[in-house]
Structure formats: C-alpha cells, structure tokens
N, C-alpha and C. Protein backbone atom coordinates (compact mmCIF):
# COMPACT_ATOMS: atom_id res chain seq x y z
N MET A 1 79.48 89.18 109.42
CA MET A 1 80.75 89.68 109.10
C MET A 1 80.55 91.20 108.38
N ALA A 2 79.39 91.34 107.69
CA ALA A 2 79.20 92.60 107.00
C ALA A 2 79.04 93.80 107.92
N GLU A 3 78.32 93.52 109.09
CA GLU A 3 78.16 94.46 110.12
C GLU A 3 79.54 94.91 110.73
N CYS A 4 80.31 93.92 111.09
CA CYS A 4 81.59 94.26 111.55
C CYS A 4 82.57 94.96 110.59
N ALA A 5 82.56 94.58 109.35
CA ALA A 5 83.16 95.37 108.23
C ALA A 5 82.76 96.75 108.15
N ARG A 6 81.41 96.93 108.20
CA ARG A 6 80.84 98.25 108.03
C ARG A 6 81.31 99.15 109.23
N SER A 7 81.36 98.51 110.47
CA SER A 7 81.80 99.36 111.59
C SER A 7 83.25 99.87 111.46
N VAL A 8 84.07 98.90 111.09
CA VAL A 8 85.56 99.04 110.86
C VAL A 8 85.71 100.24 109.77
N LEU A 9 85.15 99.98 108.66
CA LEU A 9 85.28 100.91 107.48
C LEU A 9 84.74 102.30 107.83
N ALA A 10 83.67 102.44 108.47
CA ALA A 10 83.03 103.67 108.88
C ALA A 10 84.10 104.30 109.74
N SER A 11 84.70 103.70 110.73
CA SER A 11 85.60 104.37 111.76
C SER A 11 86.82 104.88 110.92
N LEU A 12 87.16 104.27 109.68
CA LEU A 12 88.20 104.72 109.12
C LEU A 12 87.87 105.95 108.26
N LEU A 13 86.67 106.17 107.99
CA LEU A 13 86.11 107.48 107.35
C LEU A 13 86.14 108.56 108.29
N LYS A 14 86.27 108.36 109.64
CA LYS A 14 86.22 109.28 110.56
C LYS A 14 87.46 109.35 111.38
N PRO A 15 88.72 109.56 110.88
CA PRO A 15 90.07 109.45 111.48
C PRO A 15 90.07 110.51 112.58
N GLU A 16 91.04 110.17 113.67
CA GLU A 16 91.37 111.05 114.59
C GLU A 16 92.13 112.32 113.84
N GLU A 17 92.16 113.38 114.66
CA GLU A 17 92.86 114.53 114.14
C GLU A 17 94.38 114.22 113.82
N GLY A 18 94.75 114.64 112.59
CA GLY A 18 95.96 114.40 112.24
C GLY A 18 96.27 113.03 111.50
N GLU A 19 95.26 112.12 111.55
CA GLU A 19 95.32 110.88 110.87
C GLU A 19 94.73 111.10 109.34
N PRO A 20 95.32 110.28 108.50
CA PRO A 20 94.87 110.38 107.15
C PRO A 20 93.34 109.66 106.99
N ARG A 21 92.68 110.05 106.08
CA ARG A 21 91.29 109.58 105.83
C ARG A 21 91.48 108.42 104.91
N LEU A 22 90.72 107.37 104.99
CA LEU A 22 90.65 106.32 104.02
C LEU A 22 90.43 106.77 102.71
N ALA A 23 91.36 106.41 101.65
CA ALA A 23 91.11 106.94 100.39
C ALA A 23 90.56 105.98 99.33
N CYS A 24 90.80 104.65 99.62
CA CYS A 24 90.26 103.58 98.91
C CYS A 24 90.46 102.35 99.42
N LEU A 25 89.78 101.22 99.05
CA LEU A 25 89.93 99.96 99.57
C LEU A 25 90.43 99.02 98.63
N ILE A 26 91.53 98.25 98.76
CA ILE A 26 92.01 97.43 97.71
C ILE A 26 91.66 95.97 98.24
N LEU A 27 90.97 95.12 97.54
CA LEU A 27 90.54 93.84 98.10
C LEU A 27 90.42 92.75 97.06
N ASP A 28 90.52 91.48 97.43
CA ASP A 28 90.46 90.37 96.54
C ASP A 28 88.92 90.03 96.05
N CYS A 29 88.71 89.57 94.93
CA CYS A 29 87.43 89.46 94.24
C CYS A 29 86.61 88.53 95.03
N THR A 30 87.16 87.64 95.89
CA THR A 30 86.23 86.84 96.65
C THR A 30 85.46 87.38 97.93
N LEU A 31 85.94 88.79 98.17
CA LEU A 31 85.29 89.32 99.32
C LEU A 31 84.19 90.27 98.85
N THR A 32 83.24 89.68 98.13
CA THR A 32 82.11 90.57 97.58
C THR A 32 81.34 91.33 98.65
N GLY A 33 81.12 90.60 99.82
CA GLY A 33 80.57 91.30 100.87
C GLY A 33 81.10 92.54 101.46
N ILE A 34 82.38 92.54 101.48
CA ILE A 34 83.10 93.65 102.02
C ILE A 34 82.99 94.67 100.86
N GLN A 35 83.14 94.26 99.69
CA GLN A 35 83.10 95.35 98.50
C GLN A 35 81.76 95.98 98.62
N LYS A 36 80.71 95.33 98.80
CA LYS A 36 79.33 95.96 98.87
C LYS A 36 79.17 96.88 100.06
N VAL A 37 79.85 96.53 101.20
CA VAL A 37 79.78 97.51 102.27
C VAL A 37 80.64 98.83 101.98
N ALA A 38 81.75 98.58 101.34
CA ALA A 38 82.62 99.90 101.07
C ALA A 38 81.86 100.66 100.03
N VAL A 39 81.14 100.12 98.94
CA VAL A 39 80.42 100.96 97.97
C VAL A 39 79.20 101.50 98.65
N GLY A 40 78.66 101.01 99.64
CA GLY A 40 77.64 101.53 100.39
C GLY A 40 77.94 102.67 101.22
N LEU A 41 79.08 102.60 101.72
CA LEU A 41 79.73 103.72 102.49
C LEU A 41 80.44 104.88 101.47
N GLY A 42 80.39 104.56 100.26
CA GLY A 42 81.00 105.68 99.26
C GLY A 42 82.38 105.50 99.02
N ILE A 43 82.99 104.43 99.58
CA ILE A 43 84.46 104.18 99.46
C ILE A 43 84.91 103.71 98.20
N PRO A 44 85.71 104.34 97.37
CA PRO A 44 86.19 103.70 96.00
C PRO A 44 86.91 102.41 96.34
N THR A 45 86.59 101.43 95.50
CA THR A 45 87.36 100.11 95.63
C THR A 45 88.12 99.74 94.50
N LEU A 46 89.07 99.02 94.76
CA LEU A 46 89.95 98.33 93.70
C LEU A 46 89.84 96.93 93.70
N VAL A 47 89.28 96.03 93.01
CA VAL A 47 89.13 94.70 93.20
C VAL A 47 90.16 93.97 92.37
N LEU A 48 90.83 93.09 93.05
CA LEU A 48 91.92 92.32 92.25
C LEU A 48 91.57 91.01 92.13
N GLN A 49 91.91 90.25 91.12
CA GLN A 49 91.78 88.81 90.87
C GLN A 49 93.11 88.25 91.25
N THR A 50 93.21 87.65 92.51
CA THR A 50 94.42 87.09 92.93
C THR A 50 94.48 85.53 93.04
N SER A 51 93.52 84.97 92.63
CA SER A 51 93.34 83.50 92.44
C SER A 51 93.93 82.91 91.14
N SER A 52 94.14 81.58 91.07
CA SER A 52 94.67 81.05 89.79
C SER A 52 93.98 81.26 88.68
N ALA A 53 94.70 80.87 87.52
CA ALA A 53 93.97 80.84 86.25
C ALA A 53 93.02 79.54 86.20
N ALA A 54 93.24 78.58 86.84
CA ALA A 54 92.33 77.51 86.99
C ALA A 54 90.98 77.89 87.55
N TRP A 55 91.03 78.69 88.71
CA TRP A 55 89.87 79.28 89.30
C TRP A 55 89.21 80.10 88.41
N PHE A 56 89.86 81.02 87.73
CA PHE A 56 89.22 81.89 86.72
C PHE A 56 88.51 81.15 85.68
N ARG A 57 88.96 80.04 85.13
CA ARG A 57 88.46 79.24 84.07
C ARG A 57 87.16 78.63 84.65
N LEU A 58 87.12 78.10 85.92
CA LEU A 58 85.91 77.62 86.43
C LEU A 58 84.72 78.69 86.58
N ILE A 59 85.25 79.81 87.02
CA ILE A 59 84.16 80.97 87.17
C ILE A 59 83.64 81.19 85.91
N ARG A 60 84.37 81.29 84.84
CA ARG A 60 83.92 81.61 83.50
C ARG A 60 83.13 80.50 82.93
N SER A 61 83.26 79.10 83.36
CA SER A 61 82.50 77.95 82.91
C SER A 61 81.08 77.87 83.68
N TYR A 62 80.89 78.77 84.62
CA TYR A 62 79.71 78.51 85.35
C TYR A 62 78.43 78.40 84.52
N ASP A 63 78.24 79.24 83.58
CA ASP A 63 76.96 79.17 82.63
C ASP A 63 76.91 77.91 82.06
N MET A 64 78.06 77.39 81.32
CA MET A 64 77.99 76.27 80.60
C MET A 64 77.69 74.95 81.46
N LEU A 65 78.18 75.11 82.61
CA LEU A 65 78.08 73.95 83.57
C LEU A 65 76.59 73.77 84.06
N TYR A 66 76.03 75.02 84.18
CA TYR A 66 74.65 75.06 84.63
C TYR A 66 73.67 74.58 83.44
N GLU A 67 74.01 74.92 82.22
CA GLU A 67 73.22 74.62 80.98
C GLU A 67 73.41 73.11 80.84
N LYS A 68 74.57 72.50 81.15
CA LYS A 68 74.62 71.10 81.00
C LYS A 68 74.17 70.18 82.04
N GLY A 69 73.64 70.87 83.13
CA GLY A 69 73.14 70.09 84.29
C GLY A 69 74.10 69.78 85.41
N TYR A 70 75.33 70.15 85.29
CA TYR A 70 76.32 69.77 86.34
C TYR A 70 75.89 70.70 87.59
N LEU A 71 75.44 71.82 87.42
CA LEU A 71 75.16 72.79 88.56
C LEU A 71 73.62 73.07 88.62
N PRO A 72 72.97 73.14 89.67
CA PRO A 72 73.50 72.79 91.07
C PRO A 72 73.85 71.35 91.10
N ALA A 73 74.87 71.02 92.05
CA ALA A 73 75.29 69.64 92.08
C ALA A 73 74.18 68.72 92.40
N GLN A 74 74.19 67.44 91.75
CA GLN A 74 73.30 66.59 91.77
C GLN A 74 73.73 65.50 93.03
N SER A 75 72.66 64.87 93.61
CA SER A 75 73.10 63.96 94.66
C SER A 75 74.02 62.84 94.09
N LEU A 76 74.85 62.32 94.96
CA LEU A 76 75.88 61.25 94.56
C LEU A 76 75.20 59.86 94.46
C-alpha cells in the first residue's frame, strides 16, 4: 500500500499545467503508513483523531496493559 500511496502523492506534487499543486495532506491518525510516505516526500501533514473517546482511552492505556501482562495477548 505504501508504494501505491507514494506513486499517487508524487503525481500530485507534479500537477498538469494550470492545476494546483498539493499544499498539504489531511488524514486520520490510523493511516500512519500514508503519513510516513507524505513526510518522506516533503508534504506537510495534518493528522486528525477521528475515532471515539473509548479508542483514545485504549491507546493511552497500552503501556499499563503491557506492564500488567495483558499485552501481548496470551493464549486462551
């Protein structure tokens, strides 16, 4: 997927005559691979957190869950 994204974003950096150049990329925080590609191409990015408060709480709890042995997941 990263190579496909790189190709598309690179083409937007070289627009046809009269077309506007890509100014920045606005994306969701779950698309980290796309963000890395954009940064690698020198495209400014604006990353938005569009998921729920519950998801945010889970992400913020990763360290604690790891320390308590819940992560990585144990066999059932």
